[in-house]
Every structure is written in structure tokens, then in C-alpha cells.
Amino acid sequence: MNIQALIQRRFSGELNNEAEYIELLVQVFAVLILGLLLWRLMAAFHKKKKAKRKPSTYFDTTFTKSWRK
């Protein structure tokens, strides 16, 4: 089979590209799942880091402490 015949078969739809599409879908889902996993891990680490910080008293005033009472 020469190159021209192969190109004609590919663009006419005779060649089956299911394997390529399935591989692409697997890669898409893998990237999506890994991205979500990394996002959740980063959020958990940030939550721990934020909990360890000492709260700033710079903005604490008598008004902010008692404005809802």
C-alpha cells in the first residue's frame, strides 16, 4: 500500500480510529482526576497551615469586638 492510498483511506473513514480516541479519553480523564486530587490535597494542606497561624490582633478594636452585642 502506498502513501497516497493510505491517506485516501484515512480521510474517507475506512480506517478505524477508535483506539486513538479511547487512548485520548483515558488521558483526559486521568488528567482531570489527578487535577482534582491535587486541588483537594492543596486545599487540605492550606487549611492545616491556616489553622496553625496566630491570628493578628492588628484590626481588633473595641468596636469590632462588640458591634454585634
N, C-alpha and C. Protein backbone atom coordinates (compact mmCIF):
# COMPACT_ATOMS: atom_id res chain seq x y z
N MET A 1 0.86 -1.18 0.00
CA MET A 1 0.00 0.00 0.00
C MET A 1 0.90 1.24 0.00
N ASN A 2 0.63 2.14 -0.90
CA ASN A 2 1.43 3.36 -0.96
C ASN A 2 0.83 4.44 -0.06
N ILE A 3 1.55 5.51 0.08
CA ILE A 3 1.17 6.59 0.98
C ILE A 3 -0.15 7.24 0.54
N GLN A 4 -0.29 7.45 -0.75
CA GLN A 4 -1.50 8.12 -1.25
C GLN A 4 -2.76 7.30 -0.96
N ALA A 5 -2.67 5.99 -1.11
CA ALA A 5 -3.82 5.14 -0.83
C ALA A 5 -4.14 5.14 0.66
N LEU A 6 -3.10 5.15 1.49
CA LEU A 6 -3.31 5.19 2.95
C LEU A 6 -3.99 6.49 3.36
N ILE A 7 -3.56 7.60 2.76
CA ILE A 7 -4.16 8.90 3.08
C ILE A 7 -5.62 8.93 2.63
N GLN A 8 -5.90 8.38 1.46
CA GLN A 8 -7.28 8.36 0.97
C GLN A 8 -8.17 7.50 1.88
N ARG A 9 -7.66 6.36 2.34
CA ARG A 9 -8.45 5.50 3.22
C ARG A 9 -8.68 6.19 4.56
N ARG A 10 -7.68 6.90 5.05
CA ARG A 10 -7.83 7.57 6.35
C ARG A 10 -8.89 8.66 6.30
N PHE A 11 -8.87 9.49 5.28
CA PHE A 11 -9.81 10.60 5.20
C PHE A 11 -11.18 10.19 4.65
N SER A 12 -11.29 9.02 4.09
CA SER A 12 -12.60 8.56 3.64
C SER A 12 -13.37 7.87 4.77
N GLY A 13 -12.68 7.60 5.87
CA GLY A 13 -13.34 6.99 7.01
C GLY A 13 -13.21 5.48 7.07
N GLU A 14 -12.43 4.90 6.18
CA GLU A 14 -12.26 3.45 6.18
C GLU A 14 -11.40 2.99 7.35
N LEU A 15 -10.40 3.76 7.70
CA LEU A 15 -9.55 3.37 8.81
C LEU A 15 -10.26 3.65 10.13
N ASN A 16 -10.08 2.77 11.07
CA ASN A 16 -10.76 2.87 12.36
C ASN A 16 -9.83 3.57 13.35
N ASN A 17 -10.31 4.66 13.95
CA ASN A 17 -9.51 5.43 14.89
C ASN A 17 -10.00 5.26 16.33
N GLU A 18 -10.75 4.22 16.60
CA GLU A 18 -11.31 4.05 17.94
C GLU A 18 -10.23 3.94 19.01
N ALA A 19 -9.17 3.22 18.72
CA ALA A 19 -8.10 3.04 19.71
C ALA A 19 -7.47 4.38 20.08
N GLU A 20 -7.26 5.23 19.09
CA GLU A 20 -6.68 6.54 19.36
C GLU A 20 -7.63 7.40 20.20
N TYR A 21 -8.92 7.33 19.89
CA TYR A 21 -9.89 8.12 20.64
C TYR A 21 -10.02 7.60 22.07
N ILE A 22 -9.98 6.30 22.25
CA ILE A 22 -10.08 5.73 23.60
C ILE A 22 -8.85 6.12 24.41
N GLU A 23 -7.67 6.07 23.79
CA GLU A 23 -6.45 6.48 24.49
C GLU A 23 -6.51 7.95 24.89
N LEU A 24 -7.02 8.77 24.01
CA LEU A 24 -7.17 10.20 24.31
C LEU A 24 -8.15 10.43 25.45
N LEU A 25 -9.28 9.70 25.45
CA LEU A 25 -10.25 9.83 26.54
C LEU A 25 -9.67 9.38 27.87
N VAL A 26 -8.88 8.31 27.86
CA VAL A 26 -8.25 7.84 29.09
C VAL A 26 -7.29 8.91 29.63
N GLN A 27 -6.54 9.53 28.74
CA GLN A 27 -5.62 10.58 29.17
C GLN A 27 -6.38 11.78 29.72
N VAL A 28 -7.49 12.14 29.09
CA VAL A 28 -8.29 13.28 29.56
C VAL A 28 -8.82 13.02 30.96
N PHE A 29 -9.38 11.83 31.17
CA PHE A 29 -9.91 11.51 32.49
C PHE A 29 -8.81 11.40 33.53
N ALA A 30 -7.64 10.89 33.16
CA ALA A 30 -6.52 10.80 34.10
C ALA A 30 -6.08 12.19 34.54
N VAL A 31 -5.97 13.10 33.60
CA VAL A 31 -5.56 14.47 33.94
C VAL A 31 -6.62 15.13 34.81
N LEU A 32 -7.89 14.92 34.49
CA LEU A 32 -8.97 15.50 35.28
C LEU A 32 -8.96 14.98 36.71
N ILE A 33 -8.82 13.67 36.88
CA ILE A 33 -8.83 13.08 38.22
C ILE A 33 -7.60 13.51 39.01
N LEU A 34 -6.42 13.51 38.37
CA LEU A 34 -5.22 13.95 39.07
C LEU A 34 -5.30 15.43 39.45
N GLY A 35 -5.88 16.24 38.59
CA GLY A 35 -6.04 17.66 38.90
C GLY A 35 -6.95 17.88 40.09
N LEU A 36 -8.06 17.16 40.13
CA LEU A 36 -8.97 17.28 41.27
C LEU A 36 -8.32 16.78 42.55
N LEU A 37 -7.57 15.70 42.46
CA LEU A 37 -6.87 15.16 43.63
C LEU A 37 -5.83 16.15 44.16
N LEU A 38 -5.05 16.73 43.26
CA LEU A 38 -4.06 17.72 43.68
C LEU A 38 -4.72 18.95 44.28
N TRP A 39 -5.83 19.37 43.71
CA TRP A 39 -6.56 20.53 44.22
C TRP A 39 -7.03 20.28 45.65
N ARG A 40 -7.59 19.10 45.91
CA ARG A 40 -8.08 18.77 47.24
C ARG A 40 -6.92 18.65 48.24
N LEU A 41 -5.79 18.06 47.81
CA LEU A 41 -4.64 17.96 48.70
C LEU A 41 -4.10 19.35 49.05
N MET A 42 -4.01 20.22 48.07
CA MET A 42 -3.54 21.58 48.34
C MET A 42 -4.49 22.31 49.29
N ALA A 43 -5.78 22.11 49.11
CA ALA A 43 -6.76 22.75 49.99
C ALA A 43 -6.62 22.22 51.42
N ALA A 44 -6.38 20.92 51.58
CA ALA A 44 -6.23 20.35 52.92
C ALA A 44 -4.96 20.88 53.59
N PHE A 45 -3.86 20.95 52.85
CA PHE A 45 -2.62 21.47 53.44
C PHE A 45 -2.75 22.94 53.79
N HIS A 46 -3.45 23.70 52.95
CA HIS A 46 -3.65 25.12 53.25
C HIS A 46 -4.51 25.29 54.50
N LYS A 47 -5.49 24.43 54.66
CA LYS A 47 -6.36 24.51 55.84
C LYS A 47 -5.56 24.24 57.11
N LYS A 48 -4.66 23.25 57.06
CA LYS A 48 -3.81 22.97 58.22
C LYS A 48 -2.88 24.14 58.51
N LYS A 49 -2.30 24.70 57.46
CA LYS A 49 -1.38 25.81 57.61
C LYS A 49 -2.09 27.03 58.19
N LYS A 50 -3.31 27.28 57.73
CA LYS A 50 -4.08 28.42 58.21
C LYS A 50 -4.47 28.24 59.67
N ALA A 51 -4.73 26.99 60.08
CA ALA A 51 -5.12 26.73 61.46
C ALA A 51 -3.95 26.94 62.42
N LYS A 52 -2.73 26.76 61.94
CA LYS A 52 -1.55 26.91 62.80
C LYS A 52 -1.14 28.36 63.00
N ARG A 53 -1.59 29.24 62.12
CA ARG A 53 -1.19 30.65 62.21
C ARG A 53 -1.80 31.31 63.45
N LYS A 54 -1.03 32.21 63.99
CA LYS A 54 -1.54 33.01 65.11
C LYS A 54 -2.39 34.14 64.54
N PRO A 55 -3.60 34.31 65.03
CA PRO A 55 -4.44 35.39 64.49
C PRO A 55 -3.86 36.76 64.84
N SER A 56 -3.96 37.66 63.92
CA SER A 56 -3.44 39.01 64.10
C SER A 56 -4.40 39.82 64.96
N THR A 57 -3.83 40.62 65.84
CA THR A 57 -4.65 41.50 66.69
C THR A 57 -4.62 42.93 66.16
N TYR A 58 -4.09 43.14 64.98
CA TYR A 58 -3.96 44.48 64.43
C TYR A 58 -5.31 45.15 64.23
N PHE A 59 -6.30 44.41 63.76
CA PHE A 59 -7.60 45.01 63.48
C PHE A 59 -8.58 44.86 64.65
N ASP A 60 -8.16 44.30 65.74
CA ASP A 60 -9.06 44.15 66.89
C ASP A 60 -9.20 45.48 67.62
N THR A 61 -10.42 45.96 67.65
CA THR A 61 -10.71 47.19 68.39
C THR A 61 -11.93 46.91 69.27
N THR A 62 -12.24 47.83 70.13
CA THR A 62 -13.42 47.65 70.97
C THR A 62 -14.69 47.62 70.13
N PHE A 63 -14.69 48.35 69.03
CA PHE A 63 -15.87 48.35 68.17
C PHE A 63 -16.06 46.99 67.50
N THR A 64 -15.00 46.42 66.95
CA THR A 64 -15.13 45.14 66.25
C THR A 64 -15.46 44.01 67.21
N LYS A 65 -15.06 44.13 68.45
CA LYS A 65 -15.37 43.07 69.41
C LYS A 65 -16.82 43.12 69.89
N SER A 66 -17.40 44.30 69.91
CA SER A 66 -18.75 44.42 70.49
C SER A 66 -19.79 44.98 69.55
N TRP A 67 -19.59 44.99 68.29
CA TRP A 67 -20.54 45.63 67.39
C TRP A 67 -21.81 44.81 67.19
N ARG A 68 -21.78 43.52 67.50
CA ARG A 68 -22.98 42.70 67.33
C ARG A 68 -23.76 42.53 68.64
N LYS A 69 -23.25 43.00 69.72
CA LYS A 69 -23.91 42.79 71.01
C LYS A 69 -25.08 43.70 71.20
